[in-house]
Amino acid sequence: TTSACTACRNLQWRCTPECLFAPYFLPDQPERFANVHNVFGVSNVRKMLNELLVYFHEDCINTLAYEVDMRVKDPIYGCVSVISVLQKRAARTQNHKYLALATPCSSSMFSPGTR
């Protein structure tokens, strides 16, 4: 007999082989379900999963768990602070690229025998 998933155990449900949550909330990760449940609620998570193809379920749960983790680390901005940092880095990299493309190369750089 297999152990009930964390979701079913936490909610005191009978875990069946068709359980929607079992593949994503393993028995050895109780805090993962508890955190997602506290922030998003079981009914909302169920709705999200039911609206997605099964192929995307794992990504959905991983994203929700990440958002919860980031909200714990930064209660005000959550994952938005990480997104902002990444957007600034991307813009800076793009600017460096444009500057590199706009800077003319010296022809002596490409002369044979020079280093």
PDB file of N, CA and C in Angstrom:
ATOM      1  N   THR A   1       0.841  -1.181   0.000  1.00  0.00           N
ATOM      2  CA  THR A   1       0.000   0.000   0.000  1.00  0.00           C
ATOM      3  C   THR A   1       0.886   1.245   0.000  1.00  0.00           C
ATOM      4  N   THR A   2       0.500   2.214  -0.790  1.00  0.00           N
ATOM      5  CA  THR A   2       1.282   3.439  -0.910  1.00  0.00           C
ATOM      6  C   THR A   2       0.768   4.477   0.075  1.00  0.00           C
ATOM      7  N   SER A   3       1.645   5.398   0.400  1.00  0.00           N
ATOM      8  CA  SER A   3       1.305   6.456   1.332  1.00  0.00           C
ATOM      9  C   SER A   3       0.486   7.532   0.618  1.00  0.00           C
ATOM     10  N   ALA A   4      -0.426   8.134   1.343  1.00  0.00           N
ATOM     11  CA  ALA A   4      -1.241   9.209   0.775  1.00  0.00           C
ATOM     12  C   ALA A   4      -0.365  10.412   0.470  1.00  0.00           C
ATOM     13  N   CYS A   5      -0.732  11.145  -0.566  1.00  0.00           N
ATOM     14  CA  CYS A   5       0.004  12.365  -0.893  1.00  0.00           C
ATOM     15  C   CYS A   5      -0.187  13.382   0.224  1.00  0.00           C
ATOM     16  N   THR A   6       0.662  14.355   0.244  1.00  0.00           N
ATOM     17  CA  THR A   6       0.613  15.379   1.283  1.00  0.00           C
ATOM     18  C   THR A   6      -0.709  16.142   1.260  1.00  0.00           C
ATOM     19  N   ALA A   7      -1.235  16.404   0.064  1.00  0.00           N
ATOM     20  CA  ALA A   7      -2.493  17.141  -0.036  1.00  0.00           C
ATOM     21  C   ALA A   7      -3.621  16.363   0.628  1.00  0.00           C
ATOM     22  N   CYS A   8      -3.751  15.094   0.271  1.00  0.00           N
ATOM     23  CA  CYS A   8      -4.831  14.281   0.839  1.00  0.00           C
ATOM     24  C   CYS A   8      -4.646  14.092   2.338  1.00  0.00           C
ATOM     25  N   ARG A   9      -3.424  13.882   2.756  1.00  0.00           N
ATOM     26  CA  ARG A   9      -3.163  13.702   4.189  1.00  0.00           C
ATOM     27  C   ARG A   9      -3.519  14.981   4.943  1.00  0.00           C
ATOM     28  N   ASN A  10      -3.115  16.124   4.419  1.00  0.00           N
ATOM     29  CA  ASN A  10      -3.361  17.402   5.074  1.00  0.00           C
ATOM     30  C   ASN A  10      -4.853  17.717   5.136  1.00  0.00           C
ATOM     31  N   LEU A  11      -5.555  17.388   4.066  1.00  0.00           N
ATOM     32  CA  LEU A  11      -6.992  17.700   3.988  1.00  0.00           C
ATOM     33  C   LEU A  11      -7.871  16.569   4.515  1.00  0.00           C
ATOM     34  N   GLN A  12      -7.223  15.490   4.943  1.00  0.00           N
ATOM     35  CA  GLN A  12      -7.908  14.307   5.459  1.00  0.00           C
ATOM     36  C   GLN A  12      -8.855  13.707   4.410  1.00  0.00           C
ATOM     37  N   TRP A  13      -8.343  13.635   3.183  1.00  0.00           N
ATOM     38  CA  TRP A  13      -9.061  12.998   2.092  1.00  0.00           C
ATOM     39  C   TRP A  13      -8.494  11.603   1.889  1.00  0.00           C
ATOM     40  N   ARG A  14      -9.272  10.753   1.252  1.00  0.00           N
ATOM     41  CA  ARG A  14      -8.771   9.441   0.868  1.00  0.00           C
ATOM     42  C   ARG A  14      -8.025   9.616  -0.452  1.00  0.00           C
ATOM     43  N   CYS A  15      -6.751   9.264  -0.470  1.00  0.00           N
ATOM     44  CA  CYS A  15      -5.933   9.437  -1.669  1.00  0.00           C
ATOM     45  C   CYS A  15      -6.141   8.250  -2.601  1.00  0.00           C
ATOM     46  N   THR A  16      -6.573   8.540  -3.806  1.00  0.00           N
ATOM     47  CA  THR A  16      -6.833   7.498  -4.793  1.00  0.00           C
ATOM     48  C   THR A  16      -5.741   7.510  -5.858  1.00  0.00           C
ATOM     49  N   PRO A  17      -5.653   6.437  -6.645  1.00  0.00           N
ATOM     50  CA  PRO A  17      -4.663   6.435  -7.731  1.00  0.00           C
ATOM     51  C   PRO A  17      -4.884   7.561  -8.750  1.00  0.00           C
ATOM     52  N   GLU A  18      -6.091   8.085  -8.829  1.00  0.00           N
ATOM     53  CA  GLU A  18      -6.403   9.171  -9.771  1.00  0.00           C
ATOM     54  C   GLU A  18      -6.229  10.551  -9.137  1.00  0.00           C
ATOM     55  N   CYS A  19      -5.690  10.621  -7.955  1.00  0.00           N
ATOM     56  CA  CYS A  19      -5.549  11.892  -7.234  1.00  0.00           C
ATOM     57  C   CYS A  19      -4.813  12.916  -8.090  1.00  0.00           C
ATOM     58  N   LEU A  20      -5.414  14.073  -8.242  1.00  0.00           N
ATOM     59  CA  LEU A  20      -4.853  15.154  -9.051  1.00  0.00           C
ATOM     60  C   LEU A  20      -3.555  15.700  -8.452  1.00  0.00           C
ATOM     61  N   PHE A  21      -3.449  15.666  -7.131  1.00  0.00           N
ATOM     62  CA  PHE A  21      -2.315  16.282  -6.449  1.00  0.00           C
ATOM     63  C   PHE A  21      -1.151  15.326  -6.165  1.00  0.00           C
ATOM     64  N   ALA A  22      -1.403  14.034  -6.174  1.00  0.00           N
ATOM     65  CA  ALA A  22      -0.397  13.046  -5.752  1.00  0.00           C
ATOM     66  C   ALA A  22       0.945  13.163  -6.476  1.00  0.00           C
ATOM     67  N   PRO A  23       0.981  13.366  -7.793  1.00  0.00           N
ATOM     68  CA  PRO A  23       2.297  13.432  -8.449  1.00  0.00           C
ATOM     69  C   PRO A  23       3.125  14.659  -8.066  1.00  0.00           C
ATOM     70  N   TYR A  24       2.489  15.681  -7.512  1.00  0.00           N
ATOM     71  CA  TYR A  24       3.168  16.951  -7.291  1.00  0.00           C
ATOM     72  C   TYR A  24       3.396  17.284  -5.818  1.00  0.00           C
ATOM     73  N   PHE A  25       2.664  16.628  -4.937  1.00  0.00           N
ATOM     74  CA  PHE A  25       2.806  16.857  -3.498  1.00  0.00           C
ATOM     75  C   PHE A  25       3.096  15.524  -2.828  1.00  0.00           C
ATOM     76  N   LEU A  26       4.355  15.128  -2.891  1.00  0.00           N
ATOM     77  CA  LEU A  26       4.788  13.841  -2.384  1.00  0.00           C
ATOM     78  C   LEU A  26       4.730  13.804  -0.858  1.00  0.00           C
ATOM     79  N   PRO A  27       4.590  12.616  -0.296  1.00  0.00           N
ATOM     80  CA  PRO A  27       4.464  12.499   1.167  1.00  0.00           C
ATOM     81  C   PRO A  27       5.643  13.069   1.950  1.00  0.00           C
ATOM     82  N   ASP A  28       6.823  13.119   1.341  1.00  0.00           N
ATOM     83  CA  ASP A  28       7.996  13.618   2.064  1.00  0.00           C
ATOM     84  C   ASP A  28       8.197  15.127   1.932  1.00  0.00           C
ATOM     85  N   GLN A  29       7.199  15.841   1.370  1.00  0.00           N
ATOM     86  CA  GLN A  29       7.299  17.297   1.204  1.00  0.00           C
ATOM     87  C   GLN A  29       6.059  18.000   1.769  1.00  0.00           C
ATOM     88  N   PRO A  30       5.771  17.813   3.054  1.00  0.00           N
ATOM     89  CA  PRO A  30       4.527  18.379   3.599  1.00  0.00           C
ATOM     90  C   PRO A  30       4.486  19.906   3.564  1.00  0.00           C
ATOM     91  N   GLU A  31       5.638  20.556   3.734  1.00  0.00           N
ATOM     92  CA  GLU A  31       5.641  22.024   3.763  1.00  0.00           C
ATOM     93  C   GLU A  31       5.331  22.615   2.397  1.00  0.00           C
ATOM     94  N   ARG A  32       5.659  21.896   1.336  1.00  0.00           N
ATOM     95  CA  ARG A  32       5.384  22.403  -0.017  1.00  0.00           C
ATOM     96  C   ARG A  32       3.880  22.555  -0.227  1.00  0.00           C
ATOM     97  N   PHE A  33       3.127  21.518   0.101  1.00  0.00           N
ATOM     98  CA  PHE A  33       1.676  21.614  -0.047  1.00  0.00           C
ATOM     99  C   PHE A  33       1.093  22.643   0.901  1.00  0.00           C
ATOM    100  N   ALA A  34       1.538  22.617   2.146  1.00  0.00           N
ATOM    101  CA  ALA A  34       0.978  23.550   3.138  1.00  0.00           C
ATOM    102  C   ALA A  34       1.152  24.993   2.685  1.00  0.00           C
ATOM    103  N   ASN A  35       2.331  25.324   2.161  1.00  0.00           N
ATOM    104  CA  ASN A  35       2.584  26.693   1.711  1.00  0.00           C
ATOM    105  C   ASN A  35       1.717  27.065   0.508  1.00  0.00           C
ATOM    106  N   VAL A  36       1.648  26.174  -0.477  1.00  0.00           N
ATOM    107  CA  VAL A  36       0.823  26.453  -1.665  1.00  0.00           C
ATOM    108  C   VAL A  36      -0.644  26.565  -1.260  1.00  0.00           C
ATOM    109  N   HIS A  37      -1.088  25.674  -0.396  1.00  0.00           N
ATOM    110  CA  HIS A  37      -2.478  25.678   0.070  1.00  0.00           C
ATOM    111  C   HIS A  37      -2.797  26.972   0.825  1.00  0.00           C
ATOM    112  N   ASN A  38      -1.883  27.416   1.688  1.00  0.00           N
ATOM    113  CA  ASN A  38      -2.137  28.634   2.470  1.00  0.00           C
ATOM    114  C   ASN A  38      -2.224  29.883   1.607  1.00  0.00           C
ATOM    115  N   VAL A  39      -1.442  29.943   0.542  1.00  0.00           N
ATOM    116  CA  VAL A  39      -1.430  31.144  -0.296  1.00  0.00           C
ATOM    117  C   VAL A  39      -2.506  31.095  -1.377  1.00  0.00           C
ATOM    118  N   PHE A  40      -2.633  29.975  -2.059  1.00  0.00           N
ATOM    119  CA  PHE A  40      -3.526  29.903  -3.223  1.00  0.00           C
ATOM    120  C   PHE A  40      -4.842  29.187  -2.954  1.00  0.00           C
ATOM    121  N   GLY A  41      -4.882  28.285  -1.995  1.00  0.00           N
ATOM    122  CA  GLY A  41      -6.086  27.518  -1.715  1.00  0.00           C
ATOM    123  C   GLY A  41      -6.227  26.318  -2.635  1.00  0.00           C
ATOM    124  N   VAL A  42      -6.747  25.236  -2.091  1.00  0.00           N
ATOM    125  CA  VAL A  42      -6.872  23.993  -2.847  1.00  0.00           C
ATOM    126  C   VAL A  42      -7.799  24.148  -4.044  1.00  0.00           C
ATOM    127  N   SER A  43      -8.920  24.826  -3.865  1.00  0.00           N
ATOM    128  CA  SER A  43      -9.876  24.938  -4.978  1.00  0.00           C
ATOM    129  C   SER A  43      -9.281  25.727  -6.139  1.00  0.00           C
ATOM    130  N   ASN A  44      -8.511  26.762  -5.847  1.00  0.00           N
ATOM    131  CA  ASN A  44      -7.869  27.529  -6.921  1.00  0.00           C
ATOM    132  C   ASN A  44      -6.806  26.711  -7.642  1.00  0.00           C
ATOM    133  N   VAL A  45      -6.017  25.957  -6.881  1.00  0.00           N
ATOM    134  CA  VAL A  45      -4.999  25.108  -7.505  1.00  0.00           C
ATOM    135  C   VAL A  45      -5.674  24.047  -8.371  1.00  0.00           C
ATOM    136  N   ARG A  46      -6.744  23.455  -7.861  1.00  0.00           N
ATOM    137  CA  ARG A  46      -7.482  22.450  -8.635  1.00  0.00           C
ATOM    138  C   ARG A  46      -8.023  23.064  -9.935  1.00  0.00           C
ATOM    139  N   LYS A  47      -8.579  24.263  -9.851  1.00  0.00           N
ATOM    140  CA  LYS A  47      -9.099  24.932 -11.053  1.00  0.00           C
ATOM    141  C   LYS A  47      -7.994  25.166 -12.072  1.00  0.00           C
ATOM    142  N   MET A  48      -6.838  25.641 -11.585  1.00  0.00           N
ATOM    143  CA  MET A  48      -5.721  25.876 -12.503  1.00  0.00           C
ATOM    144  C   MET A  48      -5.305  24.593 -13.202  1.00  0.00           C
ATOM    145  N   LEU A  49      -5.167  23.523 -12.437  1.00  0.00           N
ATOM    146  CA  LEU A  49      -4.742  22.255 -13.028  1.00  0.00           C
ATOM    147  C   LEU A  49      -5.785  21.725 -14.005  1.00  0.00           C
ATOM    148  N   ASN A  50      -7.049  21.869 -13.670  1.00  0.00           N
ATOM    149  CA  ASN A  50      -8.109  21.374 -14.554  1.00  0.00           C
ATOM    150  C   ASN A  50      -8.201  22.162 -15.859  1.00  0.00           C
ATOM    151  N   GLU A  51      -7.729  23.402 -15.848  1.00  0.00           N
ATOM    152  CA  GLU A  51      -7.758  24.220 -17.057  1.00  0.00           C
ATOM    153  C   GLU A  51      -6.545  23.979 -17.955  1.00  0.00           C
ATOM    154  N   LEU A  52      -5.548  23.271 -17.435  1.00  0.00           N
ATOM    155  CA  LEU A  52      -4.320  23.024 -18.186  1.00  0.00           C
ATOM    156  C   LEU A  52      -4.268  21.592 -18.710  1.00  0.00           C
ATOM    157  N   LEU A  53      -3.509  21.421 -19.774  1.00  0.00           N
ATOM    158  CA  LEU A  53      -3.204  20.069 -20.215  1.00  0.00           C
ATOM    159  C   LEU A  53      -2.336  19.411 -19.152  1.00  0.00           C
ATOM    160  N   VAL A  54      -2.447  18.107 -18.989  1.00  0.00           N
ATOM    161  CA  VAL A  54      -1.671  17.383 -17.986  1.00  0.00           C
ATOM    162  C   VAL A  54      -0.178  17.645 -18.162  1.00  0.00           C
ATOM    163  N   TYR A  55       0.243  17.837 -19.384  1.00  0.00           N
ATOM    164  CA  TYR A  55       1.649  18.104 -19.693  1.00  0.00           C
ATOM    165  C   TYR A  55       2.187  19.311 -18.911  1.00  0.00           C
ATOM    166  N   PHE A  56       1.334  20.286 -18.615  1.00  0.00           N
ATOM    167  CA  PHE A  56       1.752  21.519 -17.951  1.00  0.00           C
ATOM    168  C   PHE A  56       1.542  21.507 -16.438  1.00  0.00           C
ATOM    169  N   HIS A  57       0.968  20.458 -15.884  1.00  0.00           N
ATOM    170  CA  HIS A  57       0.660  20.428 -14.450  1.00  0.00           C
ATOM    171  C   HIS A  57       1.901  20.603 -13.578  1.00  0.00           C
ATOM    172  N   GLU A  58       2.957  19.880 -13.888  1.00  0.00           N
ATOM    173  CA  GLU A  58       4.162  19.965 -13.058  1.00  0.00           C
ATOM    174  C   GLU A  58       4.740  21.382 -13.077  1.00  0.00           C
ATOM    175  N   ASP A  59       4.774  21.995 -14.256  1.00  0.00           N
ATOM    176  CA  ASP A  59       5.270  23.380 -14.346  1.00  0.00           C
ATOM    177  C   ASP A  59       4.396  24.325 -13.528  1.00  0.00           C
ATOM    178  N   CYS A  60       3.106  24.111 -13.568  1.00  0.00           N
ATOM    179  CA  CYS A  60       2.178  24.956 -12.812  1.00  0.00           C
ATOM    180  C   CYS A  60       2.451  24.848 -11.319  1.00  0.00           C
ATOM    181  N   ILE A  61       2.547  23.627 -10.810  1.00  0.00           N
ATOM    182  CA  ILE A  61       2.781  23.430  -9.377  1.00  0.00           C
ATOM    183  C   ILE A  61       4.149  23.977  -8.981  1.00  0.00           C
ATOM    184  N   ASN A  62       5.159  23.736  -9.804  1.00  0.00           N
ATOM    185  CA  ASN A  62       6.495  24.260  -9.497  1.00  0.00           C
ATOM    186  C   ASN A  62       6.501  25.782  -9.466  1.00  0.00           C
ATOM    187  N   THR A  63       5.746  26.400 -10.367  1.00  0.00           N
ATOM    188  CA  THR A  63       5.656  27.862 -10.408  1.00  0.00           C
ATOM    189  C   THR A  63       4.945  28.395  -9.171  1.00  0.00           C
ATOM    190  N   LEU A  64       3.854  27.756  -8.793  1.00  0.00           N
ATOM    191  CA  LEU A  64       3.138  28.181  -7.587  1.00  0.00           C
ATOM    192  C   LEU A  64       4.030  28.040  -6.356  1.00  0.00           C
ATOM    193  N   ALA A  65       4.742  26.918  -6.255  1.00  0.00           N
ATOM    194  CA  ALA A  65       5.639  26.703  -5.116  1.00  0.00           C
ATOM    195  C   ALA A  65       6.746  27.751  -5.105  1.00  0.00           C
ATOM    196  N   TYR A  66       7.269  28.100  -6.274  1.00  0.00           N
ATOM    197  CA  TYR A  66       8.313  29.134  -6.356  1.00  0.00           C
ATOM    198  C   TYR A  66       7.758  30.491  -5.918  1.00  0.00           C
ATOM    199  N   GLU A  67       6.563  30.826  -6.388  1.00  0.00           N
ATOM    200  CA  GLU A  67       5.960  32.098  -5.992  1.00  0.00           C
ATOM    201  C   GLU A  67       5.771  32.171  -4.483  1.00  0.00           C
ATOM    202  N   VAL A  68       5.356  31.065  -3.887  1.00  0.00           N
ATOM    203  CA  VAL A  68       5.180  31.029  -2.435  1.00  0.00           C
ATOM    204  C   VAL A  68       6.528  31.215  -1.739  1.00  0.00           C
ATOM    205  N   ASP A  69       7.552  30.505  -2.199  1.00  0.00           N
ATOM    206  CA  ASP A  69       8.886  30.638  -1.598  1.00  0.00           C
ATOM    207  C   ASP A  69       9.385  32.076  -1.684  1.00  0.00           C
ATOM    208  N   MET A  70       9.181  32.711  -2.819  1.00  0.00           N
ATOM    209  CA  MET A  70       9.625  34.087  -2.995  1.00  0.00           C
ATOM    210  C   MET A  70       8.810  35.041  -2.117  1.00  0.00           C
ATOM    211  N   ARG A  71       7.544  34.749  -1.930  1.00  0.00           N
ATOM    212  CA  ARG A  71       6.707  35.592  -1.073  1.00  0.00           C
ATOM    213  C   ARG A  71       7.152  35.492   0.389  1.00  0.00           C
ATOM    214  N   VAL A  72       7.626  34.304   0.785  1.00  0.00           N
ATOM    215  CA  VAL A  72       8.152  34.134   2.138  1.00  0.00           C
ATOM    216  C   VAL A  72       9.434  34.945   2.297  1.00  0.00           C
ATOM    217  N   LYS A  73      10.294  34.917   1.277  1.00  0.00           N
ATOM    218  CA  LYS A  73      11.564  35.653   1.336  1.00  0.00           C
ATOM    219  C   LYS A  73      11.364  37.162   1.243  1.00  0.00           C
ATOM    220  N   ASP A  74      10.383  37.589   0.450  1.00  0.00           N
ATOM    221  CA  ASP A  74      10.126  39.012   0.256  1.00  0.00           C
ATOM    222  C   ASP A  74       8.613  39.233   0.285  1.00  0.00           C
ATOM    223  N   PRO A  75       8.043  39.417   1.488  1.00  0.00           N
ATOM    224  CA  PRO A  75       6.581  39.514   1.620  1.00  0.00           C
ATOM    225  C   PRO A  75       5.938  40.667   0.854  1.00  0.00           C
ATOM    226  N   ILE A  76       6.695  41.723   0.577  1.00  0.00           N
ATOM    227  CA  ILE A  76       6.123  42.872  -0.120  1.00  0.00           C
ATOM    228  C   ILE A  76       6.034  42.628  -1.624  1.00  0.00           C
ATOM    229  N   TYR A  77       7.149  42.250  -2.234  1.00  0.00           N
ATOM    230  CA  TYR A  77       7.203  42.129  -3.690  1.00  0.00           C
ATOM    231  C   TYR A  77       7.184  40.692  -4.209  1.00  0.00           C
ATOM    232  N   GLY A  78       7.556  39.730  -3.386  1.00  0.00           N
ATOM    233  CA  GLY A  78       7.553  38.337  -3.824  1.00  0.00           C
ATOM    234  C   GLY A  78       8.439  38.128  -5.037  1.00  0.00           C
ATOM    235  N   CYS A  79       7.940  37.386  -6.014  1.00  0.00           N
ATOM    236  CA  CYS A  79       8.754  37.088  -7.196  1.00  0.00           C
ATOM    237  C   CYS A  79       8.880  38.292  -8.125  1.00  0.00           C
ATOM    238  N   VAL A  80       8.092  39.333  -7.922  1.00  0.00           N
ATOM    239  CA  VAL A  80       8.194  40.533  -8.756  1.00  0.00           C
ATOM    240  C   VAL A  80       9.573  41.173  -8.606  1.00  0.00           C
ATOM    241  N   SER A  81      10.159  41.090  -7.414  1.00  0.00           N
ATOM    242  CA  SER A  81      11.488  41.663  -7.228  1.00  0.00           C
ATOM    243  C   SER A  81      12.523  40.919  -8.072  1.00  0.00           C
ATOM    244  N   VAL A  82      12.400  39.602  -8.183  1.00  0.00           N
ATOM    245  CA  VAL A  82      13.322  38.818  -9.013  1.00  0.00           C
ATOM    246  C   VAL A  82      13.104  39.152 -10.484  1.00  0.00           C
ATOM    247  N   ILE A  83      11.861  39.268 -10.884  1.00  0.00           N
ATOM    248  CA  ILE A  83      11.542  39.608 -12.269  1.00  0.00           C
ATOM    249  C   ILE A  83      12.124  40.973 -12.615  1.00  0.00           C
ATOM    250  N   SER A  84      12.012  41.918 -11.705  1.00  0.00           N
ATOM    251  CA  SER A  84      12.554  43.261 -11.936  1.00  0.00           C
ATOM    252  C   SER A  84      14.067  43.225 -12.114  1.00  0.00           C
ATOM    253  N   VAL A  85      14.760  42.479 -11.267  1.00  0.00           N
ATOM    254  CA  VAL A  85      16.219  42.363 -11.383  1.00  0.00           C
ATOM    255  C   VAL A  85      16.587  41.747 -12.728  1.00  0.00           C
ATOM    256  N   LEU A  86      15.889  40.691 -13.118  1.00  0.00           N
ATOM    257  CA  LEU A  86      16.181  40.028 -14.389  1.00  0.00           C
ATOM    258  C   LEU A  86      15.900  40.940 -15.582  1.00  0.00           C
ATOM    259  N   GLN A  87      14.834  41.737 -15.507  1.00  0.00           N
ATOM    260  CA  GLN A  87      14.535  42.672 -16.589  1.00  0.00           C
ATOM    261  C   GLN A  87      15.628  43.730 -16.712  1.00  0.00           C
ATOM    262  N   LYS A  88      16.122  44.226 -15.590  1.00  0.00           N
ATOM    263  CA  LYS A  88      17.207  45.218 -15.622  1.00  0.00           C
ATOM    264  C   LYS A  88      18.476  44.620 -16.208  1.00  0.00           C
ATOM    265  N   ARG A  89      18.789  43.376 -15.825  1.00  0.00           N
ATOM    266  CA  ARG A  89      19.973  42.710 -16.378  1.00  0.00           C
ATOM    267  C   ARG A  89      19.828  42.498 -17.883  1.00  0.00           C
ATOM    268  N   ALA A  90      18.641  42.104 -18.319  1.00  0.00           N
ATOM    269  CA  ALA A  90      18.408  41.882 -19.744  1.00  0.00           C
ATOM    270  C   ALA A  90      18.551  43.188 -20.518  1.00  0.00           C
ATOM    271  N   ALA A  91      18.009  44.274 -19.970  1.00  0.00           N
ATOM    272  CA  ALA A  91      18.123  45.574 -20.636  1.00  0.00           C
ATOM    273  C   ALA A  91      19.585  46.020 -20.702  1.00  0.00           C
ATOM    274  N   ARG A  92      20.333  45.817 -19.627  1.00  0.00           N
ATOM    275  CA  ARG A  92      21.749  46.188 -19.608  1.00  0.00           C
ATOM    276  C   ARG A  92      22.529  45.359 -20.632  1.00  0.00           C
ATOM    277  N   THR A  93      22.236  44.079 -20.714  1.00  0.00           N
ATOM    278  CA  THR A  93      22.910  43.214 -21.693  1.00  0.00           C
ATOM    279  C   THR A  93      22.568  43.647 -23.111  1.00  0.00           C
ATOM    280  N   GLN A  94      21.326  44.000 -23.334  1.00  0.00           N
ATOM    281  CA  GLN A  94      20.896  44.468 -24.656  1.00  0.00           C
ATOM    282  C   GLN A  94      21.627  45.759 -25.020  1.00  0.00           C
ATOM    283  N   ASN A  95      21.774  46.664 -24.061  1.00  0.00           N
ATOM    284  CA  ASN A  95      22.500  47.915 -24.310  1.00  0.00           C
ATOM    285  C   ASN A  95      23.957  47.645 -24.644  1.00  0.00           C
ATOM    286  N   HIS A  96      24.583  46.708 -23.932  1.00  0.00           N
ATOM    287  CA  HIS A  96      25.974  46.339 -24.221  1.00  0.00           C
ATOM    288  C   HIS A  96      26.093  45.775 -25.636  1.00  0.00           C
ATOM    289  N   LYS A  97      25.120  45.001 -26.010  1.00  0.00           N
ATOM    290  CA  LYS A  97      25.128  44.413 -27.360  1.00  0.00           C
ATOM    291  C   LYS A  97      25.037  45.516 -28.414  1.00  0.00           C
ATOM    292  N   TYR A  98      24.128  46.468 -28.217  1.00  0.00           N
ATOM    293  CA  TYR A  98      23.982  47.564 -29.182  1.00  0.00           C
ATOM    294  C   TYR A  98      25.255  48.408 -29.258  1.00  0.00           C
ATOM    295  N   LEU A  99      25.867  48.650 -28.101  1.00  0.00           N
ATOM    296  CA  LEU A  99      27.113  49.409 -28.095  1.00  0.00           C
ATOM    297  C   LEU A  99      28.219  48.655 -28.829  1.00  0.00           C
ATOM    298  N   ALA A 100      28.296  47.362 -28.629  1.00  0.00           N
ATOM    299  CA  ALA A 100      29.319  46.560 -29.300  1.00  0.00           C
ATOM    300  C   ALA A 100      29.092  46.552 -30.807  1.00  0.00           C
ATOM    301  N   LEU A 101      27.844  46.491 -31.220  1.00  0.00           N
ATOM    302  CA  LEU A 101      27.542  46.486 -32.658  1.00  0.00           C
ATOM    303  C   LEU A 101      27.779  47.861 -33.282  1.00  0.00           C
ATOM    304  N   ALA A 102      27.601  48.911 -32.504  1.00  0.00           N
ATOM    305  CA  ALA A 102      27.752  50.267 -33.022  1.00  0.00           C
ATOM    306  C   ALA A 102      29.201  50.740 -33.039  1.00  0.00           C
ATOM    307  N   THR A 103      30.057  50.082 -32.284  1.00  0.00           N
ATOM    308  CA  THR A 103      31.460  50.485 -32.209  1.00  0.00           C
ATOM    309  C   THR A 103      32.212  49.924 -33.407  1.00  0.00           C
ATOM    310  N   PRO A 104      32.799  50.825 -34.246  1.00  0.00           N
ATOM    311  CA  PRO A 104      33.538  50.327 -35.401  1.00  0.00           C
ATOM    312  C   PRO A 104      34.815  49.616 -34.958  1.00  0.00           C
ATOM    313  N   CYS A 105      35.146  48.543 -35.649  1.00  0.00           N
ATOM    314  CA  CYS A 105      36.362  47.792 -35.350  1.00  0.00           C
ATOM    315  C   CYS A 105      37.518  48.383 -36.132  1.00  0.00           C
ATOM    316  N   SER A 106      38.670  48.399 -35.547  1.00  0.00           N
ATOM    317  CA  SER A 106      39.878  48.870 -36.214  1.00  0.00           C
ATOM    318  C   SER A 106      40.308  47.830 -37.236  1.00  0.00           C
ATOM    319  N   SER A 107      40.664  48.281 -38.431  1.00  0.00           N
ATOM    320  CA  SER A 107      41.077  47.331 -39.469  1.00  0.00           C
ATOM    321  C   SER A 107      42.373  46.628 -39.094  1.00  0.00           C
ATOM    322  N   SER A 108      43.181  47.243 -38.232  1.00  0.00           N
ATOM    323  CA  SER A 108      44.431  46.603 -37.831  1.00  0.00           C
ATOM    324  C   SER A 108      44.177  45.368 -36.975  1.00  0.00           C
ATOM    325  N   MET A 109      42.987  45.280 -36.386  1.00  0.00           N
ATOM    326  CA  MET A 109      42.659  44.118 -35.578  1.00  0.00           C
ATOM    327  C   MET A 109      42.590  42.854 -36.423  1.00  0.00           C
ATOM    328  N   PHE A 110      42.282  43.038 -37.706  1.00  0.00           N
ATOM    329  CA  PHE A 110      42.078  41.881 -38.556  1.00  0.00           C
ATOM    330  C   PHE A 110      43.218  41.673 -39.552  1.00  0.00           C
ATOM    331  N   SER A 111      44.299  42.440 -39.414  1.00  0.00           N
ATOM    332  CA  SER A 111      45.446  42.288 -40.321  1.00  0.00           C
ATOM    333  C   SER A 111      46.178  40.990 -40.010  1.00  0.00           C
ATOM    334  N   PRO A 112      46.645  40.289 -41.041  1.00  0.00           N
ATOM    335  CA  PRO A 112      47.369  39.062 -40.782  1.00  0.00           C
ATOM    336  C   PRO A 112      48.687  39.359 -40.044  1.00  0.00           C
ATOM    337  N   GLY A 113      49.017  38.497 -39.119  1.00  0.00           N
ATOM    338  CA  GLY A 113      50.284  38.621 -38.395  1.00  0.00           C
ATOM    339  C   GLY A 113      50.212  39.507 -37.176  1.00  0.00           C
ATOM    340  N   THR A 114      49.071  40.121 -36.866  1.00  0.00           N
ATOM    341  CA  THR A 114      48.970  40.958 -35.666  1.00  0.00           C
ATOM    342  C   THR A 114      48.140  40.234 -34.633  1.00  0.00           C
ATOM    343  N   ARG A 115      48.425  40.525 -33.415  1.00  0.00           N
ATOM    344  CA  ARG A 115      47.655  39.915 -32.319  1.00  0.00           C
ATOM    345  C   ARG A 115      47.160  40.970 -31.372  1.00  0.00           C
TER     346      ARG A 115
END
